[in-house]
C-alpha atoms as a PDB file:
ATOM      1  CA  MET A   1      -8.241   7.145  -4.621  1.00  0.00           C
ATOM      2  CA  HIS A   2      -8.814   3.898  -6.701  1.00  0.00           C
ATOM      3  CA  LYS A   3      -9.743   0.789  -4.742  1.00  0.00           C
ATOM      4  CA  ILE A   4      -9.661  -2.529  -6.248  1.00  0.00           C
ATOM      5  CA  PHE A   5     -11.886  -5.402  -5.012  1.00  0.00           C
ATOM      6  CA  SER A   6     -11.961  -8.979  -5.665  1.00  0.00           C
ATOM      7  CA  LYS A   7     -14.016 -10.357  -8.230  1.00  0.00           C
ATOM      8  CA  ILE A   8     -14.416 -13.613  -6.260  1.00  0.00           C
ATOM      9  CA  GLU A   9     -15.323 -11.691  -3.025  1.00  0.00           C
ATOM     10  CA  PRO A  10     -16.789  -8.573  -4.276  1.00  0.00           C
ATOM     11  CA  ASN A  11     -16.846  -6.882  -0.795  1.00  0.00           C
ATOM     12  CA  THR A  12     -13.139  -7.574  -0.053  1.00  0.00           C
ATOM     13  CA  LEU A  13     -10.806  -4.787  -0.813  1.00  0.00           C
ATOM     14  CA  LEU A  14      -7.532  -6.156  -2.121  1.00  0.00           C
ATOM     15  CA  HIS A  15      -5.360  -3.026  -3.390  1.00  0.00           C
ATOM     16  CA  LEU A  16      -5.755   0.503  -3.611  1.00  0.00           C
ATOM     17  CA  ILE A  17      -3.952   3.451  -5.549  1.00  0.00           C
ATOM     18  CA  TYR A  18      -3.489   6.942  -4.243  1.00  0.00           C
ATOM     19  CA  ARG A  19      -2.103   9.659  -6.527  1.00  0.00           C
ATOM     20  CA  LYS A  20       0.044  12.585  -5.435  1.00  0.00           C
ATOM     21  CA  GLU A  21      -2.513  15.072  -7.100  1.00  0.00           C
ATOM     22  CA  GLU A  22      -5.229  13.653  -4.745  1.00  0.00           C
ATOM     23  CA  ILE A  23      -3.464  15.162  -1.677  1.00  0.00           C
ATOM     24  CA  SER A  24      -5.525  17.641   0.025  1.00  0.00           C
ATOM     25  CA  GLY A  25      -5.569  18.399   3.853  1.00  0.00           C
ATOM     26  CA  ARG A  26      -5.777  15.174   5.942  1.00  0.00           C
ATOM     27  CA  THR A  27      -6.844  12.091   4.288  1.00  0.00           C
ATOM     28  CA  ASN A  28      -7.012   8.640   5.856  1.00  0.00           C
ATOM     29  CA  ILE A  29      -6.141   6.289   2.823  1.00  0.00           C
ATOM     30  CA  ALA A  30      -6.102   2.790   4.493  1.00  0.00           C
ATOM     31  CA  PRO A  31      -9.537   1.639   6.029  1.00  0.00           C
ATOM     32  CA  ASP A  32      -9.325   1.797   9.664  1.00  0.00           C
ATOM     33  CA  ASP A  33      -9.734  -2.112  10.232  1.00  0.00           C
ATOM     34  CA  GLU A  34      -6.648  -3.046   8.069  1.00  0.00           C
ATOM     35  CA  PHE A  35      -3.319  -3.458   9.901  1.00  0.00           C
ATOM     36  CA  LEU A  36      -1.395  -1.388   7.651  1.00  0.00           C
ATOM     37  CA  GLN A  37      -2.405   2.344   7.980  1.00  0.00           C
ATOM     38  CA  LEU A  38      -1.508   5.476   5.688  1.00  0.00           C
ATOM     39  CA  ALA A  39      -2.734   9.087   5.788  1.00  0.00           C
ATOM     40  CA  SER A  40      -1.550  12.024   3.457  1.00  0.00           C
ATOM     41  CA  LEU A  41      -1.283  15.148   4.934  1.00  0.00           C
ATOM     42  CA  LYS A  42      -0.909  18.560   2.858  1.00  0.00           C
ATOM     43  CA  MET A  43      -0.103  21.122   5.432  1.00  0.00           C
ATOM     44  CA  ALA A  44       0.747  24.923   5.692  1.00  0.00           C
ATOM     45  CA  LYS A  45       4.128  26.272   7.070  1.00  0.00           C
ATOM     46  CA  GLY A  46       3.837  26.537  10.599  1.00  0.00           C
ATOM     47  CA  THR A  47       1.498  23.728  11.158  1.00  0.00           C
ATOM     48  CA  THR A  48       2.300  21.639  14.163  1.00  0.00           C
ATOM     49  CA  PHE A  49       0.807  18.918  16.321  1.00  0.00           C
ATOM     50  CA  LYS A  50       0.774  18.155  20.109  1.00  0.00           C
ATOM     51  CA  ALA A  51       4.101  16.319  20.983  1.00  0.00           C
ATOM     52  CA  HIS A  52       3.149  12.522  21.651  1.00  0.00           C
ATOM     53  CA  LYS A  53       4.387   8.858  21.803  1.00  0.00           C
ATOM     54  CA  HIS A  54       2.385   5.973  20.976  1.00  0.00           C
ATOM     55  CA  ILE A  55       1.334   3.259  23.554  1.00  0.00           C
ATOM     56  CA  ILE A  56       2.187  -0.531  23.389  1.00  0.00           C
ATOM     57  CA  VAL A  57      -1.008  -2.285  22.720  1.00  0.00           C
ATOM     58  CA  GLU A  58      -0.847  -5.976  21.797  1.00  0.00           C
ATOM     59  CA  LYS A  59      -2.251  -6.562  18.301  1.00  0.00           C
ATOM     60  CA  THR A  60      -2.379  -9.736  16.207  1.00  0.00           C
ATOM     61  CA  THR A  61      -1.806  -9.386  12.652  1.00  0.00           C
ATOM     62  CA  ASN A  62      -2.475 -12.388  10.107  1.00  0.00           C
ATOM     63  CA  ILE A  63      -0.965 -11.413   6.865  1.00  0.00           C
ATOM     64  CA  ALA A  64       1.699  -9.312   5.681  1.00  0.00           C
ATOM     65  CA  GLN A  65       0.461  -6.080   3.998  1.00  0.00           C
ATOM     66  CA  GLU A  66       2.663  -3.725   1.875  1.00  0.00           C
ATOM     67  CA  SER A  67       2.628  -0.293   0.286  1.00  0.00           C
ATOM     68  CA  TRP A  68       4.949   1.065  -2.264  1.00  0.00           C
ATOM     69  CA  LEU A  69       5.747   4.793  -2.600  1.00  0.00           C
ATOM     70  CA  VAL A  70       7.335   6.073  -5.667  1.00  0.00           C
ATOM     71  CA  ILE A  71       9.984   8.812  -5.162  1.00  0.00           C
ATOM     72  CA  GLN A  72      11.539   8.818  -8.531  1.00  0.00           C
ATOM     73  CA  GLY A  73      10.732   7.027 -11.814  1.00  0.00           C
ATOM     74  CA  SER A  74       7.819   4.786 -12.510  1.00  0.00           C
ATOM     75  CA  VAL A  75       6.474   1.395 -11.705  1.00  0.00           C
ATOM     76  CA  ARG A  76       3.936  -0.933 -13.148  1.00  0.00           C
ATOM     77  CA  CYS A  77       1.945  -2.690 -10.659  1.00  0.00           C
ATOM     78  CA  ILE A  78       0.398  -5.997 -11.352  1.00  0.00           C
ATOM     79  CA  PHE A  79      -2.304  -6.806  -8.919  1.00  0.00           C
ATOM     80  CA  TYR A  80      -4.040 -10.217  -8.633  1.00  0.00           C
ATOM     81  CA  ASP A  81      -7.378 -11.274  -7.246  1.00  0.00           C
ATOM     82  CA  LEU A  82      -7.367 -14.263  -4.533  1.00  0.00           C
ATOM     83  CA  ASP A  83      -7.407 -16.765  -7.020  1.00  0.00           C
ATOM     84  CA  ASP A  84      -4.235 -15.509  -8.661  1.00  0.00           C
ATOM     85  CA  VAL A  85      -5.784 -13.938 -11.902  1.00  0.00           C
ATOM     86  CA  ILE A  86      -4.581 -10.376 -12.620  1.00  0.00           C
ATOM     87  CA  LEU A  87      -6.995  -7.730 -11.997  1.00  0.00           C
ATOM     88  CA  GLU A  88      -5.265  -4.453 -12.827  1.00  0.00           C
ATOM     89  CA  GLU A  89      -1.727  -3.163 -14.067  1.00  0.00           C
ATOM     90  CA  PRO A  90      -1.791   0.631 -13.057  1.00  0.00           C
ATOM     91  CA  VAL A  91       1.422   2.514 -13.432  1.00  0.00           C
ATOM     92  CA  LEU A  92       2.603   4.871 -10.392  1.00  0.00           C
ATOM     93  CA  TYR A  93       4.501   7.912 -10.818  1.00  0.00           C
ATOM     94  CA  PRO A  94       6.484  10.017  -8.374  1.00  0.00           C
ATOM     95  CA  GLY A  95       4.439  10.958  -5.180  1.00  0.00           C
ATOM     96  CA  ASP A  96       1.828   7.996  -5.942  1.00  0.00           C
ATOM     97  CA  CYS A  97       1.629   4.988  -3.939  1.00  0.00           C
ATOM     98  CA  SER A  98      -0.085   1.679  -3.552  1.00  0.00           C
ATOM     99  CA  MET A  99      -1.205  -0.701  -1.047  1.00  0.00           C
ATOM    100  CA  THR A 100      -1.939  -4.231  -0.873  1.00  0.00           C
ATOM    101  CA  PHE A 101      -4.066  -5.601   1.781  1.00  0.00           C
ATOM    102  CA  ARG A 102      -4.604  -9.205   0.352  1.00  0.00           C
ATOM    103  CA  GLY A 103      -4.443 -10.871  -2.891  1.00  0.00           C
ATOM    104  CA  GLY A 104      -0.994 -11.080  -4.949  1.00  0.00           C
ATOM    105  CA  HIS A 105       0.967  -8.451  -6.516  1.00  0.00           C
ATOM    106  CA  ASN A 106       4.268  -7.998  -8.398  1.00  0.00           C
ATOM    107  CA  TYR A 107       5.983  -4.791  -9.728  1.00  0.00           C
ATOM    108  CA  LEU A 108       7.784  -3.904 -13.066  1.00  0.00           C
ATOM    109  CA  ILE A 109      10.306  -1.088 -12.864  1.00  0.00           C
ATOM    110  CA  LEU A 110       9.762   1.326 -15.901  1.00  0.00           C
ATOM    111  CA  GLU A 111      12.780   3.492 -15.603  1.00  0.00           C
ATOM    112  CA  ASP A 112      16.322   3.217 -14.553  1.00  0.00           C
ATOM    113  CA  ASP A 113      17.121   4.657 -11.304  1.00  0.00           C
ATOM    114  CA  THR A 114      13.552   4.268 -10.081  1.00  0.00           C
ATOM    115  CA  ILE A 115      13.363   4.921  -6.312  1.00  0.00           C
ATOM    116  CA  VAL A 116      10.693   3.354  -4.147  1.00  0.00           C
ATOM    117  CA  TYR A 117       9.982   3.337  -0.277  1.00  0.00           C
ATOM    118  CA  GLU A 118       8.351  -0.267   0.404  1.00  0.00           C
ATOM    119  CA  TYR A 119       6.436  -0.280   3.880  1.00  0.00           C
ATOM    120  CA  LYS A 120       5.217  -3.526   5.393  1.00  0.00           C
ATOM    121  CA  THR A 121       3.640  -4.873   8.427  1.00  0.00           C
ATOM    122  CA  GLY A 122       5.882  -6.823  10.656  1.00  0.00           C
ATOM    123  CA  PRO A 123       7.763  -8.474  12.303  1.00  0.00           C
ATOM    124  CA  TYR A 124       9.176 -10.119   9.385  1.00  0.00           C
ATOM    125  CA  LEU A 125       9.421 -13.973  10.248  1.00  0.00           C
ATOM    126  CA  GLY A 126      11.519 -15.201   7.166  1.00  0.00           C
ATOM    127  CA  ILE A 127      10.212 -15.998   3.549  1.00  0.00           C
ATOM    128  CA  GLU A 128       8.509 -19.229   4.563  1.00  0.00           C
ATOM    129  CA  MET A 129       6.081 -17.372   6.722  1.00  0.00           C
ATOM    130  CA  ASP A 130       5.689 -14.419   4.608  1.00  0.00           C
ATOM    131  CA  LYS A 131       5.139 -15.366   0.883  1.00  0.00           C
ATOM    132  CA  GLU A 132       3.615 -17.932  -1.412  1.00  0.00           C
ATOM    133  CA  PHE A 133       4.864 -17.472  -5.144  1.00  0.00           C
ATOM    134  CA  ILE A 134       2.165 -17.003  -7.969  1.00  0.00           C
ATOM    135  CA  LYS A 135       2.943 -19.468 -10.845  1.00  0.00           C
END
């Protein structure tokens, strides 16, 4: 797991990259205190869990957080610090994922027919309440 911290606030986790080849057993990828949660699970045939449902708990989120999971093709991530300066530009391949907790991001698709799943915290309240564009 590659964690990318702010240069302005060195203890603030902004982004992370998790590679397919890192998956082993169960790994909680996102820190427990982030709104967007993600775990990887590598399991043997026949593995099962107790049937369950999740309970409704009132939670407050104050920022949209986003994750990209590459299914096919490749994607260059452009990750920004809190002051909109580029920090890193890693490339994601099939099975790799990125998570942005804070700071800016952009993506450049590197191959035709690239397929990505994008996950975000919700609810979505419209672009005016969700995004500030980086110049």
